[in-house]
């Protein structure tokens, strides 16, 4: 049995699962939508077909993180402006500083 922290940007939970459980089964049992965002297993991005592999296939025997991270394209835009940055994917710390100073 392994301890899996499973979730997304909003919801996370710890589950005790058999190591022969597929990643897809674990996500579906936890009601995590894996059709959007980027799937990660212990910080590594999963490839097509990986969801049908078991935790044992990845060598997971004790604990891991299985997360779906959704990144919004327009996370740093407001009313069509990019707050002085050439693109909307500027560093979040840099962008937050601009919001704090209200320099747009």
C-alpha atoms as a PDB file:
ATOM      1  CA  UNK A   1       0.000   0.000   0.000  1.00  0.00           C
ATOM      2  CA  UNK A   2       1.192   3.501  -0.822  1.00  0.00           C
ATOM      3  CA  UNK A   3       0.180   6.987   0.350  1.00  0.00           C
ATOM      4  CA  UNK A   4      -0.773   9.147  -2.626  1.00  0.00           C
ATOM      5  CA  UNK A   5      -1.388  12.874  -2.325  1.00  0.00           C
ATOM      6  CA  UNK A   6      -3.753  13.412  -5.226  1.00  0.00           C
ATOM      7  CA  UNK A   7      -5.404  16.562  -6.484  1.00  0.00           C
ATOM      8  CA  UNK A   8      -5.386  19.730  -8.539  1.00  0.00           C
ATOM      9  CA  UNK A   9      -5.017  23.501  -8.044  1.00  0.00           C
ATOM     10  CA  UNK A  10      -8.050  23.631  -5.750  1.00  0.00           C
ATOM     11  CA  UNK A  11      -8.442  20.260  -4.038  1.00  0.00           C
ATOM     12  CA  UNK A  12      -5.938  17.787  -2.578  1.00  0.00           C
ATOM     13  CA  UNK A  13      -6.347  14.684  -0.467  1.00  0.00           C
ATOM     14  CA  UNK A  14      -4.236  11.814   0.801  1.00  0.00           C
ATOM     15  CA  UNK A  15      -5.297   8.340  -0.273  1.00  0.00           C
ATOM     16  CA  UNK A  16      -3.974   4.905   0.661  1.00  0.00           C
ATOM     17  CA  UNK A  17      -3.871   2.845  -2.538  1.00  0.00           C
ATOM     18  CA  UNK A  18      -2.586  -0.482  -3.760  1.00  0.00           C
ATOM     19  CA  UNK A  19       0.583  -0.026  -5.821  1.00  0.00           C
ATOM     20  CA  UNK A  20      -1.087  -1.967  -8.656  1.00  0.00           C
ATOM     21  CA  UNK A  21      -3.718   0.774  -9.071  1.00  0.00           C
ATOM     22  CA  UNK A  22      -3.424   2.697 -12.342  1.00  0.00           C
ATOM     23  CA  UNK A  23      -2.982   6.456 -12.199  1.00  0.00           C
ATOM     24  CA  UNK A  24      -6.250   6.873 -14.131  1.00  0.00           C
ATOM     25  CA  UNK A  25      -8.160   4.751 -11.577  1.00  0.00           C
ATOM     26  CA  UNK A  26      -6.722   6.805  -8.727  1.00  0.00           C
ATOM     27  CA  UNK A  27      -7.713  10.093 -10.384  1.00  0.00           C
ATOM     28  CA  UNK A  28     -11.213   8.903 -11.230  1.00  0.00           C
ATOM     29  CA  UNK A  29     -11.795   7.528  -7.712  1.00  0.00           C
ATOM     30  CA  UNK A  30     -10.733  10.903  -6.281  1.00  0.00           C
ATOM     31  CA  UNK A  31     -12.955  12.725  -8.833  1.00  0.00           C
ATOM     32  CA  UNK A  32     -10.028  14.704 -10.272  1.00  0.00           C
ATOM     33  CA  UNK A  33     -10.490  15.925 -13.858  1.00  0.00           C
ATOM     34  CA  UNK A  34      -7.328  14.933 -15.712  1.00  0.00           C
ATOM     35  CA  UNK A  35      -8.492  16.162 -19.131  1.00  0.00           C
ATOM     36  CA  UNK A  36      -7.244  19.718 -18.606  1.00  0.00           C
ATOM     37  CA  UNK A  37      -3.909  20.934 -17.335  1.00  0.00           C
ATOM     38  CA  UNK A  38      -0.624  19.114 -16.937  1.00  0.00           C
ATOM     39  CA  UNK A  39      -0.395  15.818 -15.060  1.00  0.00           C
ATOM     40  CA  UNK A  40       2.581  15.378 -12.710  1.00  0.00           C
ATOM     41  CA  UNK A  41       3.818  12.404 -10.717  1.00  0.00           C
ATOM     42  CA  UNK A  42       6.272  13.510  -8.027  1.00  0.00           C
ATOM     43  CA  UNK A  43       7.004  16.679 -10.018  1.00  0.00           C
ATOM     44  CA  UNK A  44       7.657  14.946 -13.349  1.00  0.00           C
ATOM     45  CA  UNK A  45       5.305  15.585 -16.259  1.00  0.00           C
ATOM     46  CA  UNK A  46       3.462  12.486 -17.420  1.00  0.00           C
ATOM     47  CA  UNK A  47       3.455  11.423 -21.071  1.00  0.00           C
ATOM     48  CA  UNK A  48       0.578  10.062 -23.174  1.00  0.00           C
ATOM     49  CA  UNK A  49      -0.234   6.523 -22.049  1.00  0.00           C
ATOM     50  CA  UNK A  50       1.188   6.983 -18.554  1.00  0.00           C
ATOM     51  CA  UNK A  51      -2.252   7.234 -16.934  1.00  0.00           C
ATOM     52  CA  UNK A  52      -2.850   3.566 -17.697  1.00  0.00           C
ATOM     53  CA  UNK A  53       0.346   2.477 -15.928  1.00  0.00           C
ATOM     54  CA  UNK A  54       0.341   1.458 -12.279  1.00  0.00           C
ATOM     55  CA  UNK A  55       2.230   3.120  -9.452  1.00  0.00           C
ATOM     56  CA  UNK A  56       4.387  -0.034  -9.356  1.00  0.00           C
ATOM     57  CA  UNK A  57       5.277   0.533 -13.032  1.00  0.00           C
ATOM     58  CA  UNK A  58       6.830   3.853 -11.971  1.00  0.00           C
ATOM     59  CA  UNK A  59       8.655   2.259  -9.046  1.00  0.00           C
ATOM     60  CA  UNK A  60       6.448   3.968  -6.437  1.00  0.00           C
ATOM     61  CA  UNK A  61       6.379   1.812  -3.315  1.00  0.00           C
ATOM     62  CA  UNK A  62       5.815   4.167  -0.356  1.00  0.00           C
ATOM     63  CA  UNK A  63       4.404   7.608  -1.188  1.00  0.00           C
ATOM     64  CA  UNK A  64       4.017  10.106  -4.039  1.00  0.00           C
ATOM     65  CA  UNK A  65       2.214  13.164  -5.360  1.00  0.00           C
ATOM     66  CA  UNK A  66      -0.174  12.827  -8.322  1.00  0.00           C
ATOM     67  CA  UNK A  67      -1.303  16.305  -9.335  1.00  0.00           C
ATOM     68  CA  UNK A  68      -3.118  17.976 -12.215  1.00  0.00           C
ATOM     69  CA  UNK A  69      -2.000  21.597 -12.568  1.00  0.00           C
ATOM     70  CA  UNK A  70      -4.033  23.973 -14.704  1.00  0.00           C
ATOM     71  CA  UNK A  71      -2.278  27.120 -15.903  1.00  0.00           C
ATOM     72  CA  UNK A  72      -4.453  29.957 -17.186  1.00  0.00           C
ATOM     73  CA  UNK A  73      -3.183  31.704 -20.322  1.00  0.00           C
ATOM     74  CA  UNK A  74      -4.550  35.044 -19.194  1.00  0.00           C
ATOM     75  CA  UNK A  75      -3.511  34.824 -15.561  1.00  0.00           C
ATOM     76  CA  UNK A  76      -1.741  38.194 -15.638  1.00  0.00           C
ATOM     77  CA  UNK A  77      -4.065  40.137 -17.918  1.00  0.00           C
ATOM     78  CA  UNK A  78      -6.720  42.559 -16.861  1.00  0.00           C
ATOM     79  CA  UNK A  79      -9.042  44.238 -19.358  1.00  0.00           C
ATOM     80  CA  UNK A  80      -6.743  43.265 -22.230  1.00  0.00           C
ATOM     81  CA  UNK A  81      -3.639  44.941 -20.747  1.00  0.00           C
ATOM     82  CA  UNK A  82      -0.426  43.159 -19.826  1.00  0.00           C
ATOM     83  CA  UNK A  83       0.629  45.725 -17.221  1.00  0.00           C
ATOM     84  CA  UNK A  84       3.758  46.859 -19.044  1.00  0.00           C
ATOM     85  CA  UNK A  85       5.076  43.395 -19.802  1.00  0.00           C
ATOM     86  CA  UNK A  86       5.690  42.278 -23.374  1.00  0.00           C
ATOM     87  CA  UNK A  87       3.745  39.095 -22.788  1.00  0.00           C
ATOM     88  CA  UNK A  88       1.212  37.865 -20.280  1.00  0.00           C
ATOM     89  CA  UNK A  89       3.508  35.088 -19.030  1.00  0.00           C
ATOM     90  CA  UNK A  90       5.821  37.371 -17.074  1.00  0.00           C
ATOM     91  CA  UNK A  91       7.228  36.204 -13.793  1.00  0.00           C
ATOM     92  CA  UNK A  92       4.447  36.076 -11.204  1.00  0.00           C
ATOM     93  CA  UNK A  93       6.574  37.871  -8.614  1.00  0.00           C
ATOM     94  CA  UNK A  94       7.345  40.609 -11.122  1.00  0.00           C
ATOM     95  CA  UNK A  95       3.721  40.877 -12.144  1.00  0.00           C
ATOM     96  CA  UNK A  96       2.451  40.922  -8.560  1.00  0.00           C
ATOM     97  CA  UNK A  97       4.829  43.800  -7.825  1.00  0.00           C
ATOM     98  CA  UNK A  98       3.254  45.745 -10.694  1.00  0.00           C
ATOM     99  CA  UNK A  99      -0.217  45.087  -9.320  1.00  0.00           C
ATOM    100  CA  UNK A 100       0.862  46.202  -5.845  1.00  0.00           C
ATOM    101  CA  UNK A 101       2.217  49.488  -7.223  1.00  0.00           C
ATOM    102  CA  UNK A 102      -0.732  49.847  -9.593  1.00  0.00           C
ATOM    103  CA  UNK A 103       1.600  50.839 -12.419  1.00  0.00           C
ATOM    104  CA  UNK A 104      -0.378  49.932 -15.468  1.00  0.00           C
END
